[in-house]
């Protein structure tokens, strides 16, 4: 087996371990589908998302929610302002 192949398998193993740990601590993987948030996030980027109370969301965070206009499909957007009601 070549060194490049060994490194490839090692990288894959590290990635699998990282994903397993993320799932164990309550994170879910989500793949960005469009370039609408480029250059910060691009299509194909992987996000690890978790549920948090609305009170802890801050300007600059990226939030993901089920969009009822898209039949519940997850949509991610940056928070640019917070209004108190």
Protein backbone atom coordinates (compact mmCIF):
# COMPACT_ATOMS: atom_id res chain seq x y z
CA UNK A 1 0.00 0.00 0.00
CA UNK A 2 1.36 3.42 -0.94
CA UNK A 3 1.91 6.24 1.52
CA UNK A 4 -0.73 8.38 -0.23
CA UNK A 5 -3.28 5.58 0.11
CA UNK A 6 -2.46 5.13 3.81
CA UNK A 7 -2.85 8.87 4.38
CA UNK A 8 -6.18 8.78 2.56
CA UNK A 9 -7.46 5.97 4.78
CA UNK A 10 -6.18 7.76 7.89
CA UNK A 11 -7.94 10.99 6.86
CA UNK A 12 -11.16 9.08 6.22
CA UNK A 13 -10.88 7.44 9.64
CA UNK A 14 -10.34 10.79 11.37
CA UNK A 15 -13.34 12.26 9.52
CA UNK A 16 -15.55 9.30 10.51
CA UNK A 17 -14.45 9.62 14.14
CA UNK A 18 -15.10 13.37 14.16
CA UNK A 19 -18.59 12.85 12.72
CA UNK A 20 -19.36 10.15 15.31
CA UNK A 21 -18.29 12.45 18.15
CA UNK A 22 -20.34 15.32 16.69
CA UNK A 23 -23.44 13.12 16.58
CA UNK A 24 -22.87 11.97 20.15
CA UNK A 25 -22.81 15.56 21.43
CA UNK A 26 -26.01 16.53 19.59
CA UNK A 27 -24.67 18.05 16.38
CA UNK A 28 -26.24 17.21 13.02
CA UNK A 29 -24.49 17.47 9.65
CA UNK A 30 -26.06 19.72 7.02
CA UNK A 31 -24.69 20.33 3.52
CA UNK A 32 -25.09 23.83 2.05
CA UNK A 33 -26.93 23.55 -1.29
CA UNK A 34 -26.35 26.96 -2.85
CA UNK A 35 -23.85 29.80 -3.01
CA UNK A 36 -26.32 32.33 -1.55
CA UNK A 37 -24.02 32.96 1.45
CA UNK A 38 -20.77 33.08 -0.53
CA UNK A 39 -17.99 33.78 0.13
CA UNK A 40 -18.56 32.77 3.79
CA UNK A 41 -20.29 29.49 2.90
CA UNK A 42 -20.37 27.82 -0.50
CA UNK A 43 -22.43 25.03 -2.03
CA UNK A 44 -21.08 21.72 -0.74
CA UNK A 45 -19.79 23.11 2.57
CA UNK A 46 -20.64 21.02 5.62
CA UNK A 47 -22.26 22.64 8.66
CA UNK A 48 -22.68 21.02 12.03
CA UNK A 49 -25.94 22.31 13.48
CA UNK A 50 -27.55 22.02 16.91
CA UNK A 51 -30.76 23.21 18.50
CA UNK A 52 -30.39 26.25 20.76
CA UNK A 53 -32.86 28.56 22.50
CA UNK A 54 -33.71 31.69 20.49
CA UNK A 55 -32.39 33.82 23.36
CA UNK A 56 -28.79 32.73 22.70
CA UNK A 57 -28.78 33.53 18.97
CA UNK A 58 -26.59 36.56 18.17
CA UNK A 59 -25.88 38.77 15.18
CA UNK A 60 -23.32 36.98 13.02
CA UNK A 61 -24.59 33.48 13.84
CA UNK A 62 -25.88 31.27 11.05
CA UNK A 63 -29.31 29.83 11.86
CA UNK A 64 -30.99 26.85 10.21
CA UNK A 65 -34.73 26.38 10.33
CA UNK A 66 -37.48 24.36 8.63
CA UNK A 67 -38.95 26.65 5.96
CA UNK A 68 -42.72 26.09 5.71
CA UNK A 69 -42.71 27.75 2.26
CA UNK A 70 -40.40 24.95 1.09
CA UNK A 71 -42.33 22.06 2.66
CA UNK A 72 -40.18 22.07 5.79
CA UNK A 73 -36.86 21.93 3.94
CA UNK A 74 -33.99 23.22 6.11
CA UNK A 75 -32.78 26.70 5.20
CA UNK A 76 -29.71 28.46 6.62
CA UNK A 77 -29.23 32.22 6.86
CA UNK A 78 -26.87 34.56 8.70
CA UNK A 79 -28.40 36.66 11.49
CA UNK A 80 -27.96 40.31 10.52
CA UNK A 81 -30.23 41.92 13.15
CA UNK A 82 -32.33 40.96 16.15
CA UNK A 83 -35.59 42.72 16.95
CA UNK A 84 -37.16 42.51 20.40
CA UNK A 85 -40.93 42.04 20.45
